Amino acid sequence: MQQRIKINIMRRFIGGRFAGSTRLMSTSSRALGWWDHVKPAPKDPIIGVTEAFLADTNPNKINLGVGAYRDDEGKPVVLQCVRYAESKIAGCEFLESNATEVGSKLVEESVKLAYGKHAHLIKDGRVAGIQALSGTSACRLFAELQRRFYPESPIYLPDFTWSNHHNIWRDAQVPERSFRYYHPISKGLNFAALMDDVKNAPDGSFFLLHPCAHNPTGVDPTEEQWREISNKFKVKNHFPFFDMAYQGFASGDVDTDALPIRIFLEDGHLIGCAQSFAKNMVLHGHRVGCLSVLCDDVKRAVAVKSQLQQIARAIYSNPPVHGILLVSTILSDPQTKVLWFKEVKVMANRIKQMRITLRETLEKLGGPLSWEHITNQVGMFCFFGLTPDEIDRLVREFHVYITPDGRMSMAGVNTSNVNYLANAIHEVMTYEREAGTMISGISL
């Protein structure tokens, strides 16, 4: 009897062990396959261009993909105003309790830079502002705010726009629409179509606008056109959200480049504004930005800011403080700020000169194409209207790297490579289009 009991106990024990092992094996097997169904994400078009450029060993290669300023030797720069700001904050101990104060200073100075004489609105308590991780994060914070409180409202993006805008509002699960902007034949602004799309959008729609140095086309409305756009927005009660990543790079003057925002403020609009200092202070690695939302009154501004802070808290909590201190110091110290204004103008003027030189070089090469758009467009980028085959040829045969939409960063053009670039563009665009015209004229 006792022997039988021992046998039964042993069977249960052994069965339990093996049953448990089976369960563990099943769990372990499943755990090993958790991510088997995940496929690689498509490469970001801009990052992909940089990776391809770095892998190329050709000595003549040119990187015109990334919108980062380079000097005439093709090298990144550290602005003198940044060096001064570094010396001012070096050795200063930063206490965590000062984080709010530093962030508030950045917001205040950023709003002054964008709003101009309307910056008194922040002292009136009507601006909900928050420091962000450059312009990308500022856009993402606003997209999430839009999703939370206007979940059915789409965002209207210009056709074309910065490729990452699509990612930002898509991942925030905001419906996306487009409005016509670029005219492929004139390589300028399709103003009539733009106004028509603004008019036909449902009342109270959200629109993303580039106030200056439009990315990727380099095509900006004139002051008169901006005033017409603002008036139509007022009639339709649309909400304008400005993404200003290149203030100063269009005209060389930060106030001139902020004029569209100030026109909308004069007309009584409530606005949103994303600002980045990655480009105009050449602080890419520091990721310093600001998001501001103008509200009707103090009460609403307090509520909106609290929502933005909650969104940021869940994403990145607080941004790194060093870059914020640099930007705040440059903008708040009068002498350093004036120096920055001068350095922005130097950068903008170098790019303008490269536009002139590239156009003149192409015109000397001859051919039926017009190159006026090179100098008509402004800011960091030039949009040539290249076909996918022409883009492929530029990369494959001439080792000139640009984004898939045909955007060229003029900051990557310098006196050493402009002739090579002009010949490559001439070869690809002129010859292929002449050949296409000849073939289309042959009767078969």
Protein backbone atom coordinates (compact mmCIF):
# COMPACT_ATOMS: atom_id res chain seq x y z
CA MET A 1 0.00 0.00 0.00
CA GLN A 2 2.74 2.41 1.02
CA GLN A 3 4.68 1.41 -2.08
CA ARG A 4 1.67 2.26 -4.27
CA ILE A 5 1.30 5.68 -2.61
CA LYS A 6 5.01 6.41 -3.20
CA ILE A 7 4.64 5.46 -6.85
CA ASN A 8 1.59 7.74 -7.30
CA ILE A 9 3.37 10.65 -5.62
CA MET A 10 6.42 10.10 -7.84
CA ARG A 11 4.21 10.01 -10.94
CA ARG A 12 2.54 13.28 -9.99
CA PHE A 13 5.91 14.87 -9.24
CA ILE A 14 7.48 13.70 -12.50
CA GLY A 15 4.36 14.61 -14.46
CA GLY A 16 4.33 18.03 -12.87
CA ARG A 17 7.99 18.60 -13.69
CA PHE A 18 7.57 17.61 -17.30
CA ALA A 19 4.30 19.54 -17.62
CA GLY A 20 6.01 22.61 -16.17
CA SER A 21 8.98 22.13 -18.48
CA THR A 22 6.61 21.90 -21.42
CA ARG A 23 4.97 25.16 -20.42
CA LEU A 24 8.40 26.79 -19.96
CA MET A 25 9.56 25.51 -23.31
CA SER A 26 6.40 26.81 -24.94
CA THR A 27 6.83 30.23 -23.33
CA SER A 28 10.54 30.30 -24.21
CA SER A 29 9.80 29.30 -27.80
CA ARG A 30 7.17 32.01 -28.09
CA ALA A 31 9.46 34.62 -26.54
CA LEU A 32 12.13 33.88 -29.13
CA GLY A 33 9.64 34.72 -31.88
CA TRP A 34 8.13 37.90 -30.42
CA TRP A 35 9.54 40.16 -33.14
CA ASP A 36 9.66 37.74 -36.07
CA HIS A 37 6.82 39.58 -37.81
CA VAL A 38 8.56 42.98 -37.67
CA LYS A 39 9.91 44.19 -41.03
CA PRO A 40 12.58 46.88 -41.48
CA ALA A 41 11.13 50.38 -41.68
CA PRO A 42 11.71 52.36 -44.89
CA LYS A 43 14.83 54.48 -44.64
CA ASP A 44 14.28 58.15 -43.99
CA PRO A 45 14.99 59.83 -47.35
CA ILE A 46 17.42 62.36 -45.90
CA ILE A 47 19.28 59.92 -43.64
CA GLY A 48 19.42 57.43 -46.50
CA VAL A 49 21.12 60.01 -48.73
CA THR A 50 23.74 60.72 -46.08
CA GLU A 51 24.47 57.01 -45.59
CA ALA A 52 24.89 56.50 -49.34
CA PHE A 53 27.19 59.54 -49.57
CA LEU A 54 29.40 58.30 -46.72
CA ALA A 55 29.73 54.88 -48.36
CA ASP A 56 30.81 56.42 -51.70
CA THR A 57 34.59 56.51 -52.23
CA ASN A 58 34.56 58.81 -55.29
CA PRO A 59 36.69 61.92 -54.59
CA ASN A 60 34.27 64.18 -56.50
CA LYS A 61 31.20 63.24 -54.48
CA ILE A 62 28.94 66.06 -53.27
CA ASN A 63 26.36 65.83 -50.49
CA LEU A 64 23.42 68.15 -51.20
CA GLY A 65 20.96 66.17 -49.11
CA VAL A 66 21.17 67.45 -45.55
CA GLY A 67 20.01 70.99 -44.78
CA ALA A 68 22.98 71.87 -42.61
CA TYR A 69 25.15 74.91 -43.15
CA ARG A 70 28.69 74.41 -44.44
CA ASP A 71 31.37 77.02 -45.12
CA ASP A 72 33.04 77.56 -48.49
CA GLU A 73 35.43 74.70 -47.75
CA GLY A 74 32.51 72.35 -47.19
CA LYS A 75 33.15 72.15 -43.45
CA PRO A 76 30.70 72.62 -40.55
CA VAL A 77 31.15 75.79 -38.55
CA VAL A 78 30.89 76.90 -34.94
CA LEU A 79 29.57 80.45 -34.86
CA GLN A 80 31.50 83.03 -32.88
CA CYS A 81 28.33 83.95 -30.97
CA VAL A 82 28.11 80.34 -29.82
CA ARG A 83 31.73 80.46 -28.62
CA TYR A 84 30.96 83.61 -26.64
CA ALA A 85 27.88 82.01 -25.13
CA GLU A 86 29.95 78.94 -24.19
CA SER A 87 32.46 81.12 -22.36
CA LYS A 88 29.69 82.87 -20.45
CA ILE A 89 28.06 79.68 -19.18
CA ALA A 90 31.30 77.69 -18.69
CA GLY A 91 31.88 76.85 -15.07
CA CYS A 92 28.38 77.91 -14.03
CA GLU A 93 26.76 75.31 -11.83
CA PHE A 94 23.27 74.44 -12.92
CA LEU A 95 20.78 73.35 -10.29
CA GLU A 96 17.77 71.22 -11.22
CA SER A 97 15.56 73.79 -9.52
CA ASN A 98 16.56 76.31 -12.20
CA ALA A 99 15.24 74.17 -15.08
CA THR A 100 11.89 75.93 -15.18
CA GLU A 101 13.53 79.36 -15.13
CA VAL A 102 15.92 78.49 -17.96
CA GLY A 103 13.12 77.03 -20.06
CA SER A 104 10.93 80.10 -19.47
CA LYS A 105 13.78 82.37 -20.58
CA LEU A 106 14.19 80.40 -23.80
CA VAL A 107 10.46 80.64 -24.54
CA GLU A 108 10.38 84.36 -23.84
CA GLU A 109 13.38 85.12 -26.07
CA SER A 110 12.14 82.80 -28.83
CA VAL A 111 8.72 84.46 -28.89
CA LYS A 112 10.37 87.90 -29.09
CA LEU A 113 12.36 86.68 -32.10
CA ALA A 114 9.28 85.38 -33.91
CA TYR A 115 6.53 87.78 -32.80
CA GLY A 116 8.53 91.03 -32.86
CA LYS A 117 6.52 93.96 -31.50
CA HIS A 118 3.72 91.52 -30.72
CA ALA A 119 5.92 89.78 -28.14
CA HIS A 120 4.04 91.72 -25.46
CA LEU A 121 1.47 88.97 -25.80
CA ILE A 122 3.69 86.71 -23.69
CA LYS A 123 3.70 89.30 -20.89
CA ASP A 124 -0.07 89.54 -21.28
CA GLY A 125 -0.13 85.83 -20.47
CA ARG A 126 -1.73 84.79 -23.77
CA VAL A 127 1.15 82.65 -25.08
CA ALA A 128 1.41 79.00 -24.08
CA GLY A 129 5.07 78.25 -24.69
CA ILE A 130 7.31 75.26 -24.03
CA GLN A 131 10.91 74.41 -24.88
CA ALA A 132 11.19 71.53 -27.34
CA LEU A 133 13.75 69.22 -28.92
CA SER A 134 14.31 71.40 -31.98
CA GLY A 135 11.58 71.97 -34.57
CA THR A 136 10.75 68.29 -34.99
CA SER A 137 9.66 67.93 -31.39
CA ALA A 138 7.81 71.26 -31.48
CA CYS A 139 5.77 70.00 -34.44
CA ARG A 140 5.17 66.65 -32.75
CA LEU A 141 3.93 68.33 -29.55
CA PHE A 142 1.49 70.45 -31.53
CA ALA A 143 0.32 67.46 -33.58
CA GLU A 144 -0.48 65.60 -30.35
CA LEU A 145 -2.30 68.65 -28.98
CA GLN A 146 -4.34 68.80 -32.17
CA ARG A 147 -5.19 65.09 -31.95
CA ARG A 148 -6.34 65.37 -28.35
CA PHE A 149 -8.66 68.31 -28.78
CA TYR A 150 -9.58 68.24 -32.48
CA PRO A 151 -9.44 64.50 -33.26
CA GLU A 152 -11.56 64.75 -36.41
CA SER A 153 -9.73 67.74 -37.90
CA PRO A 154 -7.04 67.04 -40.53
CA ILE A 155 -3.84 68.96 -40.99
CA TYR A 156 -3.38 70.56 -44.42
CA LEU A 157 0.25 70.27 -45.56
CA PRO A 158 1.68 72.09 -48.60
CA ASP A 159 2.51 70.05 -51.66
CA PHE A 160 5.54 69.82 -51.34
CA THR A 161 6.69 69.99 -47.73
CA TRP A 162 9.47 68.65 -45.51
CA SER A 163 9.17 64.86 -45.70
CA ASN A 164 9.16 64.44 -41.91
CA HIS A 165 5.95 66.49 -41.57
CA HIS A 166 4.07 63.50 -42.95
CA ASN A 167 5.67 61.18 -40.37
CA ILE A 168 4.95 63.54 -37.49
CA TRP A 169 1.23 64.02 -38.05
CA ARG A 170 0.74 60.39 -39.16
CA ASP A 171 2.27 59.04 -35.96
CA ALA A 172 0.11 61.46 -33.98
CA GLN A 173 -2.84 59.86 -35.82
CA VAL A 174 -4.01 63.15 -37.27
CA PRO A 175 -5.74 62.88 -40.68
CA GLU A 176 -3.71 64.51 -43.43
CA ARG A 177 -4.74 66.58 -46.44
CA SER A 178 -2.69 68.64 -48.87
CA PHE A 179 -3.00 72.03 -50.49
CA ARG A 180 -1.35 73.02 -53.73
CA TYR A 181 1.78 75.10 -53.37
CA TYR A 182 4.59 74.46 -55.86
CA HIS A 183 4.15 75.02 -59.61
CA PRO A 184 6.33 72.45 -61.44
CA ILE A 185 6.46 74.38 -64.72
CA SER A 186 7.31 77.83 -63.39
CA LYS A 187 9.22 76.32 -60.46
CA GLY A 188 7.55 79.00 -58.36
CA LEU A 189 4.44 79.45 -56.25
CA ASN A 190 1.09 78.18 -57.52
CA PHE A 191 -0.69 81.04 -55.78
CA ALA A 192 -4.09 80.81 -57.47
CA ALA A 193 -4.34 77.08 -56.69
CA LEU A 194 -3.17 77.67 -53.11
CA MET A 195 -5.88 80.28 -52.53
CA ASP A 196 -8.47 78.03 -54.11
CA ASP A 197 -7.58 75.16 -51.77
CA VAL A 198 -7.65 77.47 -48.74
CA LYS A 199 -11.08 78.69 -49.82
CA ASN A 200 -12.48 75.19 -50.38
CA ALA A 201 -11.18 73.63 -47.16
CA PRO A 202 -13.83 73.25 -44.43
CA ASP A 203 -14.11 76.26 -42.14
CA GLY A 204 -11.86 76.03 -39.10
CA SER A 205 -9.21 73.78 -40.69
CA PHE A 206 -5.59 73.45 -39.54
CA PHE A 207 -2.93 74.53 -42.05
CA LEU A 208 0.84 74.15 -41.79
CA LEU A 209 2.73 77.09 -43.28
CA HIS A 210 6.44 77.74 -43.85
CA PRO A 211 6.94 81.45 -43.08
CA CYS A 212 10.33 81.64 -44.83
CA ALA A 213 12.87 79.60 -46.79
CA HIS A 214 10.31 76.95 -47.70
CA ASN A 215 11.59 73.38 -47.36
CA PRO A 216 12.07 71.73 -49.86
CA THR A 217 11.21 74.14 -52.70
CA GLY A 218 12.81 77.44 -51.67
CA VAL A 219 9.63 79.14 -52.90
CA ASP A 220 8.10 81.79 -50.62
CA PRO A 221 5.01 83.98 -51.14
CA THR A 222 5.55 87.73 -51.48
CA GLU A 223 4.45 90.10 -48.71
CA GLU A 224 1.33 91.01 -50.69
CA GLN A 225 0.50 87.33 -51.17
CA TRP A 226 0.96 86.65 -47.45
CA ARG A 227 -1.53 89.41 -46.70
CA GLU A 228 -4.06 87.84 -49.06
CA ILE A 229 -3.49 84.43 -47.47
CA SER A 230 -3.99 85.88 -43.99
CA ASN A 231 -7.21 87.60 -45.07
CA LYS A 232 -8.59 84.38 -46.55
CA PHE A 233 -7.67 82.47 -43.39
CA LYS A 234 -9.59 85.06 -41.38
CA VAL A 235 -12.69 84.64 -43.54
CA LYS A 236 -12.49 80.84 -43.25
CA ASN A 237 -11.49 80.84 -39.55
CA HIS A 238 -8.55 78.53 -40.33
CA PHE A 239 -5.82 77.91 -37.75
CA PRO A 240 -2.30 78.70 -39.05
CA PHE A 241 0.56 76.64 -37.66
CA PHE A 242 3.95 78.04 -38.68
CA ASP A 243 7.03 75.83 -38.83
CA MET A 244 9.98 78.25 -38.82
CA ALA A 245 13.20 76.25 -39.03
CA TYR A 246 15.23 78.67 -41.18
CA GLN A 247 14.61 82.16 -39.81
CA GLY A 248 17.27 84.42 -41.35
CA PHE A 249 18.23 82.13 -44.23
CA ALA A 250 15.76 83.57 -46.77
CA SER A 251 16.66 87.27 -46.65
CA GLY A 252 19.61 87.33 -44.25
CA ASP A 253 17.50 89.31 -41.78
CA VAL A 254 15.59 87.54 -39.00
CA ASP A 255 12.90 90.23 -38.77
CA THR A 256 12.20 90.21 -42.50
CA ASP A 257 11.89 86.42 -42.46
CA ALA A 258 9.37 86.56 -39.58
CA LEU A 259 7.12 89.05 -41.43
CA PRO A 260 4.44 86.47 -42.38
CA ILE A 261 3.91 85.57 -38.72
CA ARG A 262 3.62 89.24 -37.79
CA ILE A 263 1.12 89.85 -40.60
CA PHE A 264 -1.10 87.10 -39.17
CA LEU A 265 -0.74 88.56 -35.67
CA GLU A 266 -1.68 92.04 -36.92
CA ASP A 267 -4.79 90.53 -38.49
CA GLY A 268 -5.83 89.10 -35.13
CA HIS A 269 -5.18 85.42 -35.74
CA LEU A 270 -4.51 82.90 -33.00
CA ILE A 271 -1.46 80.98 -34.19
CA GLY A 272 0.91 78.14 -33.38
CA CYS A 273 4.63 78.43 -34.08
CA ALA A 274 7.44 75.88 -34.05
CA GLN A 275 10.97 77.30 -33.93
CA SER A 276 14.31 75.59 -34.35
CA PHE A 277 17.81 76.92 -33.69
CA ALA A 278 19.55 73.93 -35.26
CA LYS A 279 20.05 75.71 -38.58
CA ASN A 280 20.44 79.42 -37.92
CA MET A 281 22.75 78.90 -34.92
CA VAL A 282 24.32 75.72 -36.40
CA LEU A 283 23.41 73.79 -33.24
CA HIS A 284 22.16 70.54 -34.79
CA GLY A 285 23.41 68.28 -32.01
CA HIS A 286 21.89 70.39 -29.23
CA ARG A 287 18.30 70.10 -30.49
CA VAL A 288 17.01 73.42 -29.17
CA GLY A 289 13.53 74.49 -30.14
CA CYS A 290 10.37 76.19 -28.93
CA LEU A 291 6.64 75.71 -29.43
CA SER A 292 4.32 78.62 -28.80
CA VAL A 293 0.54 78.71 -29.08
CA LEU A 294 -1.27 82.05 -28.92
CA CYS A 295 -4.57 81.87 -27.03
CA ASP A 296 -7.54 84.19 -26.39
CA ASP A 297 -6.68 84.92 -22.77
CA VAL A 298 -4.60 83.93 -19.75
CA LYS A 299 -6.93 81.18 -18.59
CA ARG A 300 -6.83 79.36 -21.90
CA ALA A 301 -3.06 79.83 -22.23
CA VAL A 302 -2.52 78.25 -18.79
CA ALA A 303 -4.69 75.29 -19.78
CA VAL A 304 -2.93 74.77 -23.13
CA LYS A 305 0.52 75.03 -21.57
CA SER A 306 -0.38 72.44 -18.94
CA GLN A 307 -1.46 70.05 -21.70
CA LEU A 308 1.77 70.63 -23.64
CA GLN A 309 3.81 70.01 -20.49
CA GLN A 310 1.95 66.76 -19.88
CA ILE A 311 2.56 65.62 -23.46
CA ALA A 312 6.27 66.49 -23.23
CA ARG A 313 6.57 64.80 -19.85
CA ALA A 314 5.45 61.48 -21.33
CA ILE A 315 7.78 61.76 -24.34
CA TYR A 316 11.07 63.22 -23.08
CA SER A 317 10.31 64.86 -19.72
CA ASN A 318 12.84 67.71 -19.97
CA PRO A 319 15.20 68.58 -22.82
CA PRO A 320 18.99 68.82 -22.24
CA VAL A 321 19.81 72.13 -20.61
CA HIS A 322 23.16 73.01 -22.22
CA GLY A 323 21.76 73.95 -25.62
CA ILE A 324 18.93 75.91 -24.00
CA LEU A 325 21.49 77.93 -22.03
CA LEU A 326 23.47 78.63 -25.21
CA VAL A 327 20.46 79.90 -27.16
CA SER A 328 19.03 81.86 -24.23
CA THR A 329 22.39 83.53 -23.66
CA ILE A 330 22.77 84.51 -27.32
CA LEU A 331 19.25 85.93 -27.54
CA SER A 332 19.25 87.75 -24.18
CA ASP A 333 22.70 89.37 -24.34
CA PRO A 334 22.49 92.41 -26.67
CA GLN A 335 26.09 92.27 -27.93
CA THR A 336 26.03 88.52 -28.58
CA LYS A 337 22.65 88.82 -30.28
CA VAL A 338 23.92 91.51 -32.65
CA LEU A 339 26.92 89.30 -33.47
CA TRP A 340 24.54 86.43 -34.26
CA PHE A 341 22.51 88.69 -36.59
CA LYS A 342 25.73 89.46 -38.49
CA GLU A 343 26.73 85.80 -38.71
CA VAL A 344 23.27 84.79 -39.97
CA LYS A 345 23.61 87.40 -42.72
CA VAL A 346 27.06 86.06 -43.65
CA MET A 347 25.67 82.53 -43.98
CA ALA A 348 22.66 83.67 -45.99
CA ASN A 349 24.82 85.80 -48.30
CA ARG A 350 27.21 82.92 -49.00
CA ILE A 351 24.26 80.77 -50.07
CA LYS A 352 22.88 83.61 -52.23
CA GLN A 353 26.27 83.96 -53.93
CA MET A 354 26.39 80.24 -54.64
CA ARG A 355 22.95 80.51 -56.27
CA ILE A 356 24.20 83.32 -58.51
CA THR A 357 27.39 81.45 -59.41
CA LEU A 358 25.57 78.19 -60.15
CA ARG A 359 23.04 79.96 -62.37
CA GLU A 360 25.72 81.89 -64.27
CA THR A 361 27.78 78.74 -64.80
CA LEU A 362 24.78 76.82 -66.15
CA GLU A 363 23.83 79.68 -68.47
CA LYS A 364 27.38 79.76 -69.88
CA LEU A 365 27.05 76.06 -70.71
CA GLY A 366 24.12 76.90 -72.97
CA GLY A 367 21.07 74.78 -73.69
CA PRO A 368 17.34 75.50 -73.94
CA LEU A 369 16.49 75.41 -70.23
CA SER A 370 15.95 78.47 -68.07
CA TRP A 371 17.81 78.66 -64.78
CA GLU A 372 16.07 81.74 -63.33
CA HIS A 373 14.46 79.67 -60.60
CA ILE A 374 17.86 79.11 -58.96
CA THR A 375 18.04 82.77 -57.92
CA ASN A 376 14.27 83.30 -57.63
CA GLN A 377 14.07 80.63 -54.94
CA VAL A 378 15.45 81.50 -51.51
CA GLY A 379 16.97 79.96 -48.41
CA MET A 380 18.83 76.74 -47.89
CA PHE A 381 17.23 74.71 -50.68
CA CYS A 382 16.79 74.74 -54.44
CA PHE A 383 14.15 72.74 -56.26
CA PHE A 384 15.10 71.88 -59.86
CA GLY A 385 12.11 69.71 -60.69
CA LEU A 386 14.27 66.71 -61.56
CA THR A 387 12.67 63.46 -62.68
CA PRO A 388 13.46 60.21 -60.79
CA ASP A 389 15.66 59.09 -63.71
CA GLU A 390 17.61 62.35 -63.63
CA ILE A 391 18.10 62.07 -59.87
CA ASP A 392 19.33 58.51 -60.32
CA ARG A 393 21.81 59.62 -63.00
CA LEU A 394 23.17 62.41 -60.81
CA VAL A 395 23.92 59.89 -58.09
CA ARG A 396 25.07 57.00 -60.25
CA GLU A 397 27.23 58.83 -62.79
CA PHE A 398 28.23 62.06 -61.05
CA HIS A 399 28.10 61.10 -57.34
CA VAL A 400 25.90 64.11 -56.54
CA TYR A 401 23.58 63.16 -53.67
CA ILE A 402 20.20 64.84 -53.25
CA THR A 403 16.90 63.78 -51.67
CA PRO A 404 14.47 61.68 -53.74
CA ASP A 405 12.12 64.64 -54.24
CA GLY A 406 14.88 66.57 -56.02
CA ARG A 407 15.73 68.98 -53.21
CA MET A 408 19.28 70.34 -53.30
CA SER A 409 20.90 71.94 -50.26
CA MET A 410 22.67 75.04 -51.52
CA ALA A 411 24.76 75.07 -48.34
CA GLY A 412 26.66 72.11 -49.79
CA VAL A 413 27.69 74.12 -52.87
CA ASN A 414 31.02 75.97 -52.74
CA THR A 415 33.58 77.54 -55.03
CA SER A 416 35.45 74.24 -55.32
CA ASN A 417 32.55 72.10 -56.53
CA VAL A 418 30.16 74.53 -58.26
CA ASN A 419 31.62 73.97 -61.76
CA TYR A 420 31.49 70.20 -61.39
CA LEU A 421 27.91 70.44 -60.11
CA ALA A 422 26.82 72.74 -62.94
CA ASN A 423 28.23 70.37 -65.57
CA ALA A 424 26.50 67.40 -63.92
CA ILE A 425 23.13 69.20 -63.82
CA HIS A 426 23.58 70.42 -67.41
CA GLU A 427 24.43 66.93 -68.63
CA VAL A 428 21.53 65.27 -66.84
CA MET A 429 18.76 67.81 -67.42
CA THR A 430 19.60 69.48 -70.72
CA TYR A 431 20.76 66.48 -72.74
CA GLU A 432 18.03 64.12 -71.57
CA ARG A 433 15.26 66.67 -72.18
CA GLU A 434 16.63 67.58 -75.60
CA ALA A 435 16.71 63.87 -76.46
CA GLY A 436 13.16 63.46 -75.19
CA THR A 437 11.96 66.39 -77.33
CA MET A 438 13.66 64.96 -80.42
CA ILE A 439 12.11 61.52 -79.90
CA SER A 440 8.63 62.93 -79.29
CA GLY A 441 8.90 64.88 -82.58
CA ILE A 442 9.65 61.80 -84.69
CA SER A 443 6.67 60.34 -86.55
CA LEU A 444 6.56 56.58 -86.15
